[in-house]
Amino acid sequence: MPMQSHANQDDQHLETVDLCDATLGDLAAAFDAGTLSAESLVVRSLARMEAFDRQGPCLRAVISLNPRALDTARALDEERARQGPRGPLHGIPVVLKDNIDTGDMPTTAGSVLLEGAIPPDDAFIVQQLRAAGAIILAKVNMSEFASGGTFSSILGYSRNPHDLARSTSGSSGGTAVAVAAGYAPIGIGTDTGGSIRGPAAAQGLVALKPTRGLLSRDGIIPLSPTLDTAGPMARHVEDLAAVLGVMTSVDPADEGTRASEGRSCSDYTRQLDAQALRGARLGVARDFAGADADVDWVFEASLDALQRAGAQLVDVRYPAWLLALKDSLFDAIRLPEFAPNLAQYLASLGPGYPKSLNELIERARTLTAGAGPSGVPNPGRWAQFEREAASGPLTDYRYESARVHGLGLVQSVVTGLMATHQLDAVVYPTAIRRAALVAGHSADPTGPAPGSAANIANLSGLPDLVVPAGLTGDRLPVCLSFLGPAFSEARLLSLGYAFEQATRARRQPVHAPALPGDAISRPRARSSSEATRK
């Protein structure tokens, strides 16, 4: 559908918004005014990829592009013209971490061992995104098989657009880079122990690890199904709320989603409230300070902002035994679950691909010089295969005791802490130190740095929202996390929205600036005084 000419618009009633700062609401207003189409939005997204991904700063986030993205955009423009939009994601480009199945594009888990593998169908959440009118634009880089350093044998390192020498964090690093660099306003990652929230903190984004069971795991290459979840990243809380509502639903293929029945929401934007911090009780987890003076300063400034907005702050401490044991408990569940669950996934792929972890190990040992023109060896991750293979069966008493008793113990401690202090959420610095310099795989961990509280959310199954909070002295992002009770996403998003509106802390990365022609025109928003006069 051709865009309406600006000559047909009253310029006095239009305002310009930079593409990389536009909300889904801004894009919808431009769509409605005829100053933007889904086709032209995809063209601009592709132009940013062209400028930044393989040239310029060489961010290297994109593994594969959807060759039908423009055709899909044109069809959605025609549909909008005929019958209006399906919802807030109609015509919106979305990038997916490359462990989320797409039946029309390869899903590789970032590995040359699965290069070219096309799964039998879309993941459940991808079906929902497409049904809502989203355009799957690209599959993006990740830590190979969602673990190890933020490095894949199919693409190598992605680069942090705030500082090219710094880590993107992992394992959803490519998703965070793509959203931060303006390739798409929405990205979907996965999180097992901080793999959405670490990259969001490193790139300065809004992100959510939802409650266990809120989103389907069907069609996602597993790392540890007990701890895995998909989750969204965005530049704005309201955008995150919009995409979350699209993806929530009970999925017959994932029994775990039955826990969300009657507790999920199809539109989380309705409950956003810029005044939500007034009277909110927030626990302050000070166990995670002291690793980086700049991060600590931003955290304390964030606490001041929360108080100015009306929140009541209560210092809380996790039990010392929980902090000492949480990483060992995490490994006791994560490692044994990989091999059997991966084998179930690999069985769905066609001939020519490994069908077990042992077959992955055998094939990896033949790839000391990489595979194909773009493949690079990933010895760090491939060596971890052997640790996973040797971690014992799911009938092992150590695994069973950790999963059956350990998870409930952590959840009881965290929910008990919240109940005792009558908390809406616990706040803490998402990453306890700024993004690390990339000097090798071992210096580039998956998720936030060791010592972070991130995996407490996975072990307890509770939701954790990340919101930009400020910058270090060398202009690297710092984010604040809001950990809440089970299925409290609506409340967390409202608290995060109020914090975001009070601080306006997000900044566009210096290595992914606006391009000529990036600005969009939308009808000028009415001020509150104008709205009152109306």
Protein backbone atom coordinates (compact mmCIF):
# COMPACT_ATOMS: atom_id res chain seq x y z
CA MET A 1 0.00 0.00 0.00
CA PRO A 2 1.56 3.35 -0.96
CA MET A 3 2.10 5.85 1.80
CA GLN A 4 -0.11 8.90 1.85
CA SER A 5 1.78 11.98 0.73
CA HIS A 6 2.76 14.51 3.36
CA ALA A 7 1.23 17.09 1.04
CA ASN A 8 -2.15 15.75 2.12
CA GLN A 9 -1.35 16.30 5.76
CA ASP A 10 -1.57 19.52 7.74
CA ASP A 11 2.06 19.86 8.84
CA GLN A 12 1.00 21.94 11.84
CA HIS A 13 -0.74 18.87 13.21
CA LEU A 14 2.22 16.52 12.71
CA GLU A 15 5.23 15.90 14.91
CA THR A 16 8.46 14.08 14.13
CA VAL A 17 9.58 11.10 16.19
CA ASP A 18 12.90 9.32 15.73
CA LEU A 19 12.35 5.74 14.62
CA CYS A 20 14.60 4.37 17.35
CA ASP A 21 12.62 6.15 20.06
CA ALA A 22 9.14 5.53 18.65
CA THR A 23 6.70 3.49 20.71
CA LEU A 24 4.22 1.09 19.18
CA GLY A 25 1.66 3.82 19.85
CA ASP A 26 3.70 6.28 17.77
CA LEU A 27 3.92 3.76 14.94
CA ALA A 28 0.18 3.05 15.12
CA ALA A 29 -0.58 6.78 14.96
CA ALA A 30 1.64 7.12 11.89
CA PHE A 31 -0.02 4.09 10.28
CA ASP A 32 -3.45 5.60 10.94
CA ALA A 33 -2.38 8.99 9.54
CA GLY A 34 -1.01 7.40 6.37
CA THR A 35 2.50 8.76 6.95
CA LEU A 36 3.90 5.25 7.52
CA SER A 37 3.19 1.77 6.21
CA ALA A 38 4.34 -1.65 7.36
CA GLU A 39 6.26 -1.95 4.10
CA SER A 40 8.16 1.29 4.64
CA LEU A 41 8.84 0.35 8.27
CA VAL A 42 10.38 -2.95 7.18
CA VAL A 43 12.43 -1.11 4.55
CA ARG A 44 13.80 1.20 7.26
CA SER A 45 14.56 -1.76 9.52
CA LEU A 46 16.45 -3.47 6.72
CA ALA A 47 18.35 -0.24 6.03
CA ARG A 48 19.54 -0.14 9.64
CA MET A 49 20.67 -3.74 9.42
CA GLU A 50 22.51 -2.93 6.20
CA ALA A 51 24.24 0.05 7.82
CA PHE A 52 25.25 -1.54 11.12
CA ASP A 53 25.24 -5.33 11.05
CA ARG A 54 27.94 -6.33 8.54
CA GLN A 55 29.52 -2.94 7.92
CA GLY A 56 30.07 0.18 9.99
CA PRO A 57 30.33 -1.10 13.58
CA CYS A 58 29.72 -4.70 12.39
CA LEU A 59 27.32 -5.57 15.22
CA ARG A 60 26.76 -9.06 13.78
CA ALA A 61 23.40 -9.76 15.36
CA VAL A 62 21.50 -11.20 12.38
CA ILE A 63 21.85 -14.90 11.51
CA SER A 64 19.12 -15.02 8.86
CA LEU A 65 16.60 -12.64 7.29
CA ASN A 66 13.03 -13.54 6.44
CA PRO A 67 12.95 -13.34 2.62
CA ARG A 68 9.17 -12.86 2.71
CA ALA A 69 9.16 -9.98 5.20
CA LEU A 70 8.36 -7.31 2.60
CA ASP A 71 5.63 -9.42 0.99
CA THR A 72 4.09 -10.00 4.42
CA ALA A 73 4.26 -6.27 5.16
CA ARG A 74 2.48 -5.40 1.90
CA ALA A 75 -0.26 -7.92 2.62
CA LEU A 76 -0.72 -6.51 6.12
CA ASP A 77 -0.93 -2.96 4.68
CA GLU A 78 -3.67 -4.10 2.32
CA GLU A 79 -5.49 -5.81 5.18
CA ARG A 80 -5.25 -2.64 7.30
CA ALA A 81 -6.73 -0.60 4.46
CA ARG A 82 -9.63 -3.06 4.05
CA GLN A 83 -10.58 -3.82 7.64
CA GLY A 84 -8.29 -2.00 10.05
CA PRO A 85 -5.50 -3.34 12.26
CA ARG A 86 -5.60 -6.61 14.15
CA GLY A 87 -4.04 -4.95 17.18
CA PRO A 88 -0.91 -3.10 18.33
CA LEU A 89 1.49 -5.52 16.60
CA HIS A 90 -0.12 -5.25 13.15
CA GLY A 91 2.73 -4.58 10.71
CA ILE A 92 5.41 -4.45 13.44
CA PRO A 93 8.81 -6.12 12.75
CA VAL A 94 9.91 -8.61 15.40
CA VAL A 95 13.26 -10.42 15.74
CA LEU A 96 13.55 -13.88 17.28
CA LYS A 97 16.40 -15.55 19.11
CA ASP A 98 17.50 -18.41 16.87
CA ASN A 99 16.37 -21.15 19.24
CA ILE A 100 12.68 -20.29 18.65
CA ASP A 101 11.14 -22.38 15.88
CA THR A 102 9.97 -20.86 12.61
CA GLY A 103 8.55 -23.32 10.11
CA ASP A 104 9.62 -21.16 7.16
CA MET A 105 13.15 -20.24 8.30
CA PRO A 106 16.08 -22.18 9.78
CA THR A 107 16.39 -22.50 13.56
CA THR A 108 19.99 -23.23 14.48
CA ALA A 109 20.50 -22.49 18.19
CA GLY A 110 23.52 -20.53 16.93
CA SER A 111 25.29 -23.74 15.92
CA VAL A 112 26.85 -24.91 12.66
CA LEU A 113 25.76 -28.36 13.86
CA LEU A 114 22.16 -27.35 13.03
CA GLU A 115 22.91 -25.00 10.14
CA GLY A 116 19.98 -24.88 7.71
CA ALA A 117 17.66 -26.92 9.96
CA ILE A 118 14.03 -25.99 9.36
CA PRO A 119 11.65 -27.23 12.08
CA PRO A 120 8.27 -28.74 11.20
CA ASP A 121 6.26 -25.71 12.30
CA ASP A 122 6.27 -22.44 14.25
CA ALA A 123 6.71 -22.32 18.00
CA PHE A 124 3.40 -21.64 19.74
CA ILE A 125 4.40 -18.09 20.65
CA VAL A 126 5.44 -17.43 17.03
CA GLN A 127 2.00 -18.57 15.88
CA GLN A 128 0.49 -16.04 18.27
CA LEU A 129 2.77 -13.25 17.08
CA ARG A 130 1.93 -13.89 13.44
CA ALA A 131 -1.79 -14.09 14.23
CA ALA A 132 -1.49 -10.66 15.85
CA GLY A 133 -0.01 -9.24 12.64
CA ALA A 134 3.65 -9.18 13.67
CA ILE A 135 6.25 -9.59 10.91
CA ILE A 136 9.01 -12.05 11.77
CA LEU A 137 11.91 -10.07 10.33
CA ALA A 138 15.01 -12.02 11.35
CA LYS A 139 16.49 -14.78 13.46
CA VAL A 140 19.31 -13.43 15.59
CA ASN A 141 22.52 -14.53 17.26
CA MET A 142 22.80 -16.18 20.64
CA SER A 143 25.13 -18.15 22.88
CA GLU A 144 25.32 -21.52 21.18
CA PHE A 145 22.57 -23.78 22.51
CA ALA A 146 21.79 -20.94 24.97
CA SER A 147 24.81 -21.52 27.20
CA GLY A 148 28.46 -20.62 27.53
CA GLY A 149 29.87 -17.29 26.39
CA THR A 150 27.90 -15.01 24.06
CA PHE A 151 29.43 -16.64 21.03
CA SER A 152 28.06 -18.95 18.35
CA SER A 153 29.81 -21.21 15.86
CA ILE A 154 27.45 -19.98 13.15
CA LEU A 155 28.24 -16.26 13.52
CA GLY A 156 30.82 -15.67 16.25
CA TYR A 157 30.45 -12.71 18.59
CA SER A 158 27.80 -10.04 18.39
CA ARG A 159 29.04 -6.60 19.44
CA ASN A 160 27.58 -4.24 22.01
CA PRO A 161 26.38 -1.07 20.22
CA HIS A 162 27.15 1.05 23.31
CA ASP A 163 30.82 -0.01 23.32
CA LEU A 164 32.11 -2.42 20.69
CA ALA A 165 34.75 -3.75 23.07
CA ARG A 166 32.13 -4.77 25.65
CA SER A 167 30.08 -7.94 26.04
CA THR A 168 26.50 -8.14 24.86
CA SER A 169 25.93 -10.65 27.69
CA GLY A 170 24.02 -13.80 26.84
CA SER A 171 22.49 -15.96 25.88
CA SER A 172 19.95 -13.68 24.14
CA GLY A 173 22.67 -11.19 23.20
CA GLY A 174 21.74 -10.94 19.53
CA THR A 175 18.13 -10.15 20.39
CA ALA A 176 19.21 -7.30 22.66
CA VAL A 177 21.65 -5.91 20.08
CA ALA A 178 18.98 -5.97 17.36
CA VAL A 179 16.41 -4.12 19.46
CA ALA A 180 18.91 -1.61 20.87
CA ALA A 181 20.26 -0.88 17.38
CA GLY A 182 16.77 -0.25 16.02
CA TYR A 183 16.49 -3.26 13.72
CA ALA A 184 13.06 -3.91 15.23
CA PRO A 185 11.08 -2.45 18.14
CA ILE A 186 10.40 -5.90 19.63
CA GLY A 187 12.61 -8.93 20.20
CA ILE A 188 11.89 -12.31 21.75
CA GLY A 189 14.57 -14.13 23.72
CA THR A 190 14.73 -17.02 26.17
CA ASP A 191 15.85 -17.05 29.78
CA THR A 192 17.10 -19.99 31.85
CA GLY A 193 19.28 -18.21 34.41
CA GLY A 194 19.34 -14.56 33.32
CA SER A 195 19.65 -14.93 29.55
CA ILE A 196 17.10 -12.24 28.70
CA ARG A 197 17.86 -9.91 31.57
CA GLY A 198 21.67 -9.91 31.26
CA PRO A 199 21.58 -8.78 27.61
CA ALA A 200 18.85 -6.24 28.39
CA ALA A 201 21.07 -4.74 31.09
CA ALA A 202 24.13 -4.71 28.81
CA GLN A 203 22.21 -2.95 26.02
CA GLY A 204 19.95 -0.78 28.20
CA LEU A 205 16.54 -2.25 27.34
CA VAL A 206 13.25 -3.12 28.95
CA ALA A 207 12.80 -6.90 29.29
CA LEU A 208 10.81 -9.49 31.17
CA LYS A 209 11.41 -12.99 32.45
CA PRO A 210 7.79 -13.99 33.03
CA THR A 211 6.29 -16.30 35.63
CA ARG A 212 6.93 -19.98 34.95
CA GLY A 213 3.95 -21.18 32.93
CA LEU A 214 2.83 -17.82 31.56
CA LEU A 215 4.33 -18.44 28.10
CA SER A 216 4.52 -21.69 26.17
CA ARG A 217 7.86 -23.47 25.72
CA ASP A 218 6.58 -25.45 22.73
CA GLY A 219 8.89 -25.11 19.74
CA ILE A 220 11.84 -23.70 21.68
CA ILE A 221 15.12 -25.63 21.63
CA PRO A 222 15.43 -26.63 25.29
CA LEU A 223 18.29 -26.00 27.66
CA SER A 224 16.45 -26.85 30.89
CA PRO A 225 12.65 -27.00 30.54
CA THR A 226 12.19 -26.65 34.30
CA LEU A 227 13.97 -23.28 34.22
CA ASP A 228 13.47 -22.12 30.59
CA THR A 229 11.03 -19.46 29.51
CA ALA A 230 10.61 -17.19 26.54
CA GLY A 231 10.25 -13.47 27.14
CA PRO A 232 10.14 -10.11 25.33
CA MET A 233 12.59 -7.22 25.00
CA ALA A 234 11.67 -3.70 23.91
CA ARG A 235 12.72 -0.08 24.24
CA HIS A 236 9.62 0.96 26.18
CA VAL A 237 7.55 -0.64 28.95
CA GLU A 238 4.28 0.00 27.10
CA ASP A 239 5.63 -1.90 24.08
CA LEU A 240 6.70 -4.79 26.30
CA ALA A 241 3.22 -4.86 27.84
CA ALA A 242 1.62 -4.96 24.39
CA VAL A 243 3.66 -7.89 23.08
CA LEU A 244 3.37 -9.87 26.33
CA GLY A 245 -0.42 -9.87 26.11
CA VAL A 246 -0.28 -11.22 22.57
CA MET A 247 1.81 -14.24 23.63
CA THR A 248 -0.07 -15.37 26.75
CA SER A 249 -2.38 -18.37 26.38
CA VAL A 250 -2.79 -21.91 27.62
CA ASP A 251 -1.04 -24.20 25.12
CA PRO A 252 -2.23 -27.83 24.99
CA ALA A 253 1.31 -28.81 23.91
CA ASP A 254 2.83 -27.35 27.10
CA GLU A 255 1.16 -28.64 30.22
CA GLY A 256 2.98 -26.03 32.31
CA THR A 257 0.89 -23.23 30.82
CA ARG A 258 -2.20 -24.54 32.61
CA ALA A 259 -0.87 -22.76 35.68
CA SER A 260 -1.62 -19.46 33.91
CA GLU A 261 -5.31 -20.21 33.30
CA GLY A 262 -7.34 -17.35 34.75
CA ARG A 263 -4.16 -15.56 35.85
CA SER A 264 -2.88 -14.16 32.57
CA CYS A 265 -4.00 -11.09 30.64
CA SER A 266 -4.46 -10.42 26.93
CA ASP A 267 -3.80 -6.67 27.28
CA TYR A 268 -1.31 -5.60 29.90
CA THR A 269 -1.25 -2.02 28.59
CA ARG A 270 -4.60 -1.20 30.20
CA GLN A 271 -3.14 -1.33 33.70
CA LEU A 272 -0.11 0.88 33.06
CA ASP A 273 -0.13 3.84 35.43
CA ALA A 274 2.51 6.55 35.64
CA GLN A 275 1.54 7.03 39.31
CA ALA A 276 1.78 3.35 40.23
CA LEU A 277 4.73 3.89 42.59
CA ARG A 278 2.64 5.97 44.98
CA GLY A 279 2.18 3.80 48.04
CA ALA A 280 4.00 0.80 46.53
CA ARG A 281 6.11 -1.21 48.97
CA LEU A 282 9.41 -2.28 47.47
CA GLY A 283 12.04 -4.45 49.08
CA VAL A 284 15.61 -3.31 48.42
CA ALA A 285 17.98 -6.25 48.01
CA ARG A 286 21.33 -4.84 49.08
CA ASP A 287 23.05 -8.23 48.88
CA PHE A 288 24.07 -7.39 45.31
CA ALA A 289 25.98 -4.13 45.75
CA GLY A 290 29.71 -3.57 46.06
CA ALA A 291 31.01 -5.00 42.77
CA ASP A 292 31.06 -1.78 40.72
CA ALA A 293 30.96 1.73 42.21
CA ASP A 294 29.24 3.23 39.17
CA VAL A 295 26.51 0.58 39.17
CA ASP A 296 26.04 1.09 42.91
CA TRP A 297 25.69 4.86 42.38
CA VAL A 298 23.01 4.41 39.71
CA PHE A 299 21.22 1.91 41.96
CA GLU A 300 21.14 4.36 44.87
CA ALA A 301 19.98 7.16 42.55
CA SER A 302 17.21 4.83 41.34
CA LEU A 303 16.11 4.25 44.91
CA ASP A 304 15.88 8.01 45.38
CA ALA A 305 13.75 8.23 42.23
CA LEU A 306 11.45 5.49 43.50
CA GLN A 307 10.99 7.32 46.79
CA ARG A 308 10.32 10.65 45.08
CA ALA A 309 7.63 8.89 43.06
CA GLY A 310 5.96 7.77 46.28
CA ALA A 311 7.32 4.27 46.89
CA GLN A 312 8.03 2.97 50.39
CA LEU A 313 11.39 1.19 50.52
CA VAL A 314 12.21 -1.65 52.89
CA ASP A 315 15.71 -3.12 53.13
CA VAL A 316 15.62 -6.91 52.79
CA ARG A 317 18.21 -9.65 52.85
CA TYR A 318 18.13 -13.11 51.34
CA PRO A 319 19.35 -15.90 53.64
CA ALA A 320 23.09 -16.43 53.36
CA TRP A 321 22.59 -20.12 52.58
CA LEU A 322 20.40 -19.25 49.58
CA LEU A 323 23.06 -16.94 48.13
CA ALA A 324 25.75 -19.56 48.74
CA LEU A 325 23.81 -22.48 47.20
CA LYS A 326 21.70 -20.98 44.42
CA ASP A 327 24.28 -21.45 41.65
CA SER A 328 24.96 -25.08 42.62
CA LEU A 329 21.22 -25.75 42.78
CA PHE A 330 20.82 -24.19 39.36
CA ASP A 331 23.51 -26.44 37.85
CA ALA A 332 22.07 -29.53 39.54
CA ILE A 333 18.84 -28.99 37.57
CA ARG A 334 20.12 -27.34 34.39
CA LEU A 335 22.89 -29.75 33.41
CA PRO A 336 21.05 -33.11 33.57
CA GLU A 337 17.98 -31.77 31.75
CA PHE A 338 19.81 -30.75 28.58
CA ALA A 339 20.61 -34.10 26.95
CA PRO A 340 17.24 -35.91 27.18
CA ASN A 341 15.16 -32.88 26.30
CA LEU A 342 17.43 -31.87 23.45
CA ALA A 343 17.11 -35.39 22.02
CA GLN A 344 13.32 -35.01 21.97
CA TYR A 345 13.70 -31.79 20.02
CA LEU A 346 16.29 -33.18 17.60
CA ALA A 347 13.95 -36.06 16.77
CA SER A 348 11.66 -33.52 15.08
CA LEU A 349 14.34 -32.51 12.56
CA GLY A 350 14.92 -34.14 9.21
CA PRO A 351 17.66 -36.58 8.30
CA GLY A 352 21.24 -35.37 8.28
CA TYR A 353 21.08 -33.64 11.66
CA PRO A 354 22.37 -35.07 14.97
CA LYS A 355 19.73 -36.85 17.01
CA SER A 356 21.41 -36.81 20.41
CA LEU A 357 23.91 -34.91 22.50
CA ASN A 358 26.46 -37.65 21.91
CA GLU A 359 26.06 -37.19 18.15
CA LEU A 360 26.57 -33.44 18.60
CA ILE A 361 29.79 -34.19 20.47
CA GLU A 362 31.01 -36.54 17.75
CA ARG A 363 30.28 -34.05 14.99
CA ALA A 364 31.79 -31.11 16.90
CA ARG A 365 35.08 -33.00 17.23
CA THR A 366 35.42 -32.95 13.43
CA LEU A 367 35.05 -29.15 13.24
CA THR A 368 38.34 -27.92 14.66
CA ALA A 369 38.63 -25.41 11.80
CA GLY A 370 34.96 -24.46 11.62
CA ALA A 371 32.40 -25.50 9.01
CA GLY A 372 31.39 -23.69 5.87
CA PRO A 373 32.36 -20.17 4.86
CA SER A 374 30.95 -18.51 7.98
CA GLY A 375 31.34 -21.19 10.66
CA VAL A 376 33.88 -20.73 13.43
CA PRO A 377 34.95 -23.24 16.09
CA ASN A 378 33.35 -22.88 19.51
CA PRO A 379 35.49 -25.13 21.73
CA GLY A 380 34.24 -23.49 24.92
CA ARG A 381 30.62 -24.50 24.31
CA TRP A 382 31.46 -27.83 22.68
CA ALA A 383 33.55 -28.82 25.70
CA GLN A 384 30.53 -28.08 27.89
CA PHE A 385 28.59 -30.72 25.92
CA GLU A 386 30.72 -33.34 27.63
CA ARG A 387 29.99 -31.96 31.08
CA GLU A 388 26.27 -32.04 30.26
CA ALA A 389 26.51 -35.60 28.91
CA ALA A 390 28.22 -36.73 32.12
CA SER A 391 25.81 -34.98 34.50
CA GLY A 392 23.68 -38.06 35.17
CA PRO A 393 20.14 -39.21 34.30
CA LEU A 394 16.91 -37.59 35.42
CA THR A 395 16.44 -40.51 37.81
CA ASP A 396 19.57 -39.53 39.75
CA TYR A 397 18.74 -38.69 43.37
CA ARG A 398 20.78 -35.49 43.20
CA TYR A 399 18.72 -34.17 40.31
CA GLU A 400 15.40 -35.32 41.76
CA SER A 401 16.08 -33.80 45.18
CA ALA A 402 17.16 -30.50 43.63
CA ARG A 403 14.11 -30.23 41.39
CA VAL A 404 11.47 -31.60 43.75
CA HIS A 405 12.67 -29.98 46.98
CA GLY A 406 15.16 -27.27 46.03
CA LEU A 407 12.86 -25.24 43.78
CA GLY A 408 10.05 -25.24 46.32
CA LEU A 409 12.48 -24.18 49.03
CA VAL A 410 13.68 -21.17 47.03
CA GLN A 411 10.15 -20.18 46.07
CA SER A 412 9.02 -20.44 49.70
CA VAL A 413 11.88 -18.21 50.87
CA VAL A 414 11.28 -15.52 48.24
CA THR A 415 7.49 -15.48 48.49
CA GLY A 416 7.74 -15.60 52.28
CA LEU A 417 10.07 -12.60 52.27
CA MET A 418 7.60 -10.67 50.10
CA ALA A 419 4.60 -11.67 52.22
CA THR A 420 6.31 -10.87 55.53
CA HIS A 421 7.20 -7.34 54.41
CA GLN A 422 3.99 -6.92 52.35
CA LEU A 423 6.00 -6.13 49.23
CA ASP A 424 4.81 -5.44 45.71
CA ALA A 425 8.28 -6.31 44.41
CA VAL A 426 11.95 -6.63 45.32
CA VAL A 427 14.30 -4.29 43.46
CA TYR A 428 17.97 -4.92 42.74
CA PRO A 429 20.60 -4.01 40.13
CA THR A 430 20.05 -6.40 37.21
CA ALA A 431 23.79 -6.77 36.59
CA ILE A 432 26.06 -6.02 39.54
CA ARG A 433 28.78 -4.61 37.30
CA ARG A 434 28.92 -2.97 33.89
CA ALA A 435 29.24 -5.10 30.74
CA ALA A 436 32.60 -6.89 30.68
CA LEU A 437 35.35 -6.28 28.16
CA VAL A 438 35.35 -9.13 25.67
CA ALA A 439 38.75 -10.76 25.90
CA GLY A 440 37.64 -14.35 25.27
CA HIS A 441 34.78 -16.69 25.97
CA SER A 442 35.52 -17.03 29.67
CA ALA A 443 35.30 -13.28 30.13
CA ASP A 444 31.88 -13.16 28.49
CA PRO A 445 29.41 -15.04 30.68
CA THR A 446 25.84 -16.06 29.92
CA GLY A 447 23.41 -13.82 31.81
CA PRO A 448 24.39 -11.19 34.36
CA ALA A 449 27.78 -11.45 36.03
CA PRO A 450 28.36 -14.04 38.77
CA GLY A 451 26.97 -12.76 42.06
CA SER A 452 23.81 -11.41 40.43
CA ALA A 453 20.37 -12.27 41.77
CA ALA A 454 19.07 -13.15 38.30
CA ASN A 455 18.78 -16.93 38.67
CA ILE A 456 16.70 -16.56 41.83
CA ALA A 457 13.80 -15.67 39.51
CA ASN A 458 14.32 -18.88 37.51
CA LEU A 459 14.69 -21.10 40.57
CA SER A 460 11.57 -19.61 42.17
CA GLY A 461 9.61 -19.36 38.90
CA LEU A 462 8.75 -15.73 39.63
CA PRO A 463 8.55 -12.80 37.18
CA ASP A 464 11.41 -10.31 36.88
CA LEU A 465 11.11 -7.02 34.97
CA VAL A 466 14.16 -5.04 33.81
CA VAL A 467 14.02 -1.27 33.21
CA PRO A 468 16.87 1.10 32.22
CA ALA A 469 18.04 3.11 35.21
CA GLY A 470 21.04 5.18 34.08
CA LEU A 471 24.59 5.15 32.76
CA THR A 472 28.05 4.56 34.17
CA GLY A 473 30.77 7.17 33.81
CA ASP A 474 31.83 5.55 30.53
CA ARG A 475 28.20 5.69 29.31
CA LEU A 476 27.34 2.02 29.68
CA PRO A 477 23.78 1.11 30.63
CA VAL A 478 22.67 0.13 34.12
CA CYS A 479 19.25 -1.45 34.67
CA LEU A 480 16.95 -1.98 37.66
CA SER A 481 15.09 -5.25 38.22
CA PHE A 482 11.63 -5.63 39.77
CA LEU A 483 11.06 -9.19 41.06
CA GLY A 484 7.44 -9.88 41.95
CA PRO A 485 5.04 -12.60 43.11
CA ALA A 486 3.79 -15.25 40.70
CA PHE A 487 1.63 -13.89 37.87
CA SER A 488 2.08 -10.30 39.05
CA GLU A 489 3.20 -9.14 35.57
CA ALA A 490 0.48 -6.49 35.36
CA ARG A 491 1.60 -4.90 38.62
CA LEU A 492 5.31 -5.17 37.77
CA LEU A 493 4.78 -3.57 34.36
CA SER A 494 2.88 -0.71 35.96
CA LEU A 495 5.62 -0.16 38.55
CA GLY A 496 8.27 -0.32 35.83
CA TYR A 497 6.29 2.07 33.65
CA ALA A 498 6.07 4.60 36.49
CA PHE A 499 9.83 4.30 37.08
CA GLU A 500 10.53 4.68 33.36
CA GLN A 501 8.36 7.78 33.09
CA ALA A 502 10.00 9.33 36.16
CA THR A 503 13.58 8.73 35.01
CA ARG A 504 13.63 8.53 31.18
CA ALA A 505 16.99 6.77 31.50
CA ARG A 506 17.22 4.85 28.22
CA ARG A 507 19.74 6.15 25.68
CA GLN A 508 20.29 5.20 22.04
CA PRO A 509 23.62 3.40 21.55
CA VAL A 510 26.38 5.59 20.10
CA HIS A 511 27.29 2.96 17.50
CA ALA A 512 23.74 2.74 16.12
CA PRO A 513 22.67 6.39 15.62
CA ALA A 514 19.73 7.65 13.62
CA LEU A 515 20.07 7.36 9.85
CA PRO A 516 18.85 9.93 7.32
CA GLY A 517 15.18 9.21 6.76
CA ASP A 518 14.70 7.40 10.06
CA ALA A 519 12.28 9.97 11.46
CA ILE A 520 8.56 9.25 11.24
CA SER A 521 5.70 11.73 11.24
CA ARG A 522 2.66 11.18 13.40
CA PRO A 523 -0.27 13.37 14.46
CA ARG A 524 0.80 15.68 17.24
CA ALA A 525 -0.19 14.32 20.63
CA ARG A 526 -2.57 16.58 22.50
CA SER A 527 -1.31 18.05 25.74
CA SER A 528 -3.30 17.42 28.88
CA SER A 529 -4.55 21.02 28.81
CA GLU A 530 -5.74 20.62 25.23
CA ALA A 531 -7.46 17.38 26.11
CA THR A 532 -9.20 19.11 29.02
CA ARG A 533 -10.40 21.96 26.77
CA LYS A 534 -11.85 19.43 24.36
